[in-house]
Amino acid sequence: MQTLFILLLAGAVLATLFVLTKGVIGMANGADFSGARSQGLMRKRVLYQAVAIFLAVILMMMGSSA
């Protein structure tokens, strides 16, 4: 069960990194980023971070009960 949560956590972290990198590269290149697109990327990043934190907390709780 812990292995599943570790894989899910890794996926959430990678998704966060991908969205963050996509936004930073887009802004650095001066791409035509509208406010709505920028907000959408930021919301996705925050969502993925929240999922990663939630999974990390579950993993720590599972580890402390063992």
N, C-alpha and C. Protein backbone atom coordinates (compact mmCIF):
# COMPACT_ATOMS: atom_id res chain seq x y z
N MET A 1 0.82 -1.19 0.00
CA MET A 1 0.00 0.00 0.00
C MET A 1 0.86 1.26 0.00
N GLN A 2 1.96 1.21 0.77
CA GLN A 2 2.86 2.37 0.81
C GLN A 2 3.47 2.62 -0.56
N THR A 3 3.76 1.57 -1.29
CA THR A 3 4.35 1.73 -2.62
C THR A 3 3.41 2.50 -3.54
N LEU A 4 2.13 2.22 -3.45
CA LEU A 4 1.14 2.94 -4.25
C LEU A 4 1.15 4.43 -3.92
N PHE A 5 1.17 4.76 -2.62
CA PHE A 5 1.18 6.15 -2.22
C PHE A 5 2.48 6.84 -2.63
N ILE A 6 3.59 6.12 -2.59
CA ILE A 6 4.86 6.70 -3.03
C ILE A 6 4.82 7.01 -4.52
N LEU A 7 4.25 6.10 -5.30
CA LEU A 7 4.13 6.34 -6.75
C LEU A 7 3.18 7.50 -7.04
N LEU A 8 2.09 7.57 -6.32
CA LEU A 8 1.16 8.69 -6.49
C LEU A 8 1.81 10.01 -6.10
N LEU A 9 2.58 9.99 -5.02
CA LEU A 9 3.29 11.19 -4.57
C LEU A 9 4.30 11.63 -5.63
N ALA A 10 5.04 10.68 -6.18
CA ALA A 10 6.01 11.01 -7.23
C ALA A 10 5.30 11.60 -8.45
N GLY A 11 4.16 11.06 -8.80
CA GLY A 11 3.39 11.60 -9.92
C GLY A 11 2.92 13.02 -9.67
N ALA A 12 2.46 13.29 -8.45
CA ALA A 12 2.00 14.63 -8.11
C ALA A 12 3.15 15.63 -8.12
N VAL A 13 4.30 15.21 -7.63
CA VAL A 13 5.48 16.08 -7.63
C VAL A 13 5.93 16.36 -9.05
N LEU A 14 5.95 15.34 -9.89
CA LEU A 14 6.35 15.54 -11.29
C LEU A 14 5.35 16.43 -12.04
N ALA A 15 4.07 16.26 -11.75
CA ALA A 15 3.06 17.11 -12.38
C ALA A 15 3.25 18.57 -11.96
N THR A 16 3.54 18.79 -10.69
CA THR A 16 3.79 20.14 -10.19
C THR A 16 5.01 20.73 -10.88
N LEU A 17 6.07 19.95 -10.97
CA LEU A 17 7.29 20.42 -11.62
C LEU A 17 7.05 20.74 -13.09
N PHE A 18 6.28 19.92 -13.77
CA PHE A 18 5.99 20.14 -15.18
C PHE A 18 5.23 21.44 -15.40
N VAL A 19 4.18 21.66 -14.62
CA VAL A 19 3.37 22.87 -14.78
C VAL A 19 4.19 24.10 -14.41
N LEU A 20 4.98 24.01 -13.35
CA LEU A 20 5.83 25.14 -12.95
C LEU A 20 6.83 25.47 -14.04
N THR A 21 7.49 24.45 -14.58
CA THR A 21 8.47 24.66 -15.64
C THR A 21 7.82 25.25 -16.89
N LYS A 22 6.66 24.74 -17.23
CA LYS A 22 5.95 25.25 -18.41
C LYS A 22 5.64 26.73 -18.25
N GLY A 23 5.20 27.14 -17.09
CA GLY A 23 4.89 28.55 -16.84
C GLY A 23 6.13 29.43 -16.84
N VAL A 24 7.20 28.96 -16.20
CA VAL A 24 8.43 29.76 -16.13
C VAL A 24 9.05 29.92 -17.51
N ILE A 25 9.10 28.85 -18.27
CA ILE A 25 9.68 28.93 -19.62
C ILE A 25 8.83 29.83 -20.52
N GLY A 26 7.54 29.71 -20.40
CA GLY A 26 6.66 30.55 -21.20
C GLY A 26 6.84 32.03 -20.88
N MET A 27 6.97 32.35 -19.62
CA MET A 27 7.17 33.74 -19.23
C MET A 27 8.56 34.23 -19.63
N ALA A 28 9.56 33.37 -19.51
CA ALA A 28 10.93 33.76 -19.86
C ALA A 28 11.08 34.01 -21.35
N ASN A 29 10.37 33.24 -22.16
CA ASN A 29 10.43 33.42 -23.60
C ASN A 29 9.61 34.61 -24.07
N GLY A 30 8.85 35.18 -23.18
CA GLY A 30 8.00 36.30 -23.56
C GLY A 30 6.84 35.86 -24.42
N ALA A 31 6.44 34.63 -24.24
CA ALA A 31 5.32 34.09 -25.02
C ALA A 31 4.05 34.88 -24.71
N ASP A 32 3.11 34.78 -25.58
CA ASP A 32 1.85 35.49 -25.42
C ASP A 32 1.01 34.78 -24.36
N PHE A 33 1.31 35.05 -23.11
CA PHE A 33 0.57 34.45 -22.01
C PHE A 33 -0.50 35.43 -21.57
N SER A 34 -1.72 35.06 -21.76
CA SER A 34 -2.81 35.90 -21.27
C SER A 34 -2.94 35.70 -19.76
N GLY A 35 -3.65 36.58 -19.14
CA GLY A 35 -3.86 36.45 -17.70
C GLY A 35 -4.61 35.18 -17.35
N ALA A 36 -5.55 34.80 -18.20
CA ALA A 36 -6.33 33.59 -17.93
C ALA A 36 -5.45 32.35 -18.02
N ARG A 37 -4.56 32.31 -19.00
CA ARG A 37 -3.68 31.15 -19.13
C ARG A 37 -2.71 31.06 -17.95
N SER A 38 -2.17 32.19 -17.55
CA SER A 38 -1.26 32.23 -16.41
C SER A 38 -1.97 31.79 -15.14
N GLN A 39 -3.19 32.26 -14.94
CA GLN A 39 -3.97 31.87 -13.76
C GLN A 39 -4.29 30.38 -13.78
N GLY A 40 -4.59 29.87 -14.97
CA GLY A 40 -4.88 28.44 -15.09
C GLY A 40 -3.68 27.58 -14.71
N LEU A 41 -2.51 27.97 -15.17
CA LEU A 41 -1.30 27.23 -14.81
C LEU A 41 -1.02 27.32 -13.32
N MET A 42 -1.24 28.50 -12.75
CA MET A 42 -0.99 28.66 -11.31
C MET A 42 -1.96 27.81 -10.50
N ARG A 43 -3.21 27.77 -10.92
CA ARG A 43 -4.19 26.96 -10.19
C ARG A 43 -3.87 25.48 -10.27
N LYS A 44 -3.42 25.03 -11.44
CA LYS A 44 -3.02 23.62 -11.57
C LYS A 44 -1.84 23.31 -10.66
N ARG A 45 -0.86 24.24 -10.63
CA ARG A 45 0.31 24.01 -9.79
C ARG A 45 -0.08 23.91 -8.33
N VAL A 46 -0.93 24.80 -7.88
CA VAL A 46 -1.37 24.78 -6.48
C VAL A 46 -2.15 23.50 -6.18
N LEU A 47 -2.99 23.07 -7.11
CA LEU A 47 -3.75 21.83 -6.92
C LEU A 47 -2.81 20.64 -6.79
N TYR A 48 -1.83 20.54 -7.70
CA TYR A 48 -0.89 19.42 -7.65
C TYR A 48 -0.05 19.46 -6.38
N GLN A 49 0.31 20.66 -5.93
CA GLN A 49 1.05 20.76 -4.68
C GLN A 49 0.20 20.29 -3.50
N ALA A 50 -1.06 20.65 -3.49
CA ALA A 50 -1.95 20.23 -2.41
C ALA A 50 -2.09 18.71 -2.38
N VAL A 51 -2.22 18.11 -3.55
CA VAL A 51 -2.32 16.65 -3.63
C VAL A 51 -1.03 16.01 -3.12
N ALA A 52 0.12 16.58 -3.50
CA ALA A 52 1.40 16.03 -3.05
C ALA A 52 1.54 16.13 -1.53
N ILE A 53 1.15 17.25 -0.96
CA ILE A 53 1.23 17.42 0.49
C ILE A 53 0.29 16.44 1.19
N PHE A 54 -0.91 16.30 0.67
CA PHE A 54 -1.89 15.37 1.24
C PHE A 54 -1.34 13.94 1.24
N LEU A 55 -0.76 13.53 0.11
CA LEU A 55 -0.19 12.18 0.02
C LEU A 55 1.01 12.01 0.95
N ALA A 56 1.82 13.05 1.08
CA ALA A 56 2.97 12.98 1.99
C ALA A 56 2.52 12.83 3.44
N VAL A 57 1.46 13.53 3.80
CA VAL A 57 0.93 13.41 5.16
C VAL A 57 0.40 12.01 5.41
N ILE A 58 -0.31 11.45 4.43
CA ILE A 58 -0.82 10.08 4.57
C ILE A 58 0.35 9.10 4.73
N LEU A 59 1.40 9.28 3.92
CA LEU A 59 2.56 8.39 4.04
C LEU A 59 3.20 8.49 5.41
N MET A 60 3.32 9.70 5.95
CA MET A 60 3.92 9.85 7.27
C MET A 60 3.05 9.22 8.35
N MET A 61 1.73 9.34 8.20
CA MET A 61 0.83 8.72 9.17
C MET A 61 0.92 7.19 9.08
N MET A 62 1.05 6.66 7.88
CA MET A 62 1.19 5.21 7.71
C MET A 62 2.50 4.73 8.30
N GLY A 63 3.55 5.52 8.16
CA GLY A 63 4.86 5.14 8.69
C GLY A 63 4.91 5.18 10.20
N SER A 64 4.19 6.12 10.79
CA SER A 64 4.24 6.23 12.25
C SER A 64 3.39 5.15 12.93
N SER A 65 2.41 4.61 12.23
CA SER A 65 1.57 3.58 12.84
C SER A 65 2.17 2.19 12.73
N ALA A 66 3.17 2.03 11.88
CA ALA A 66 3.78 0.71 11.69
C ALA A 66 4.78 0.39 12.77
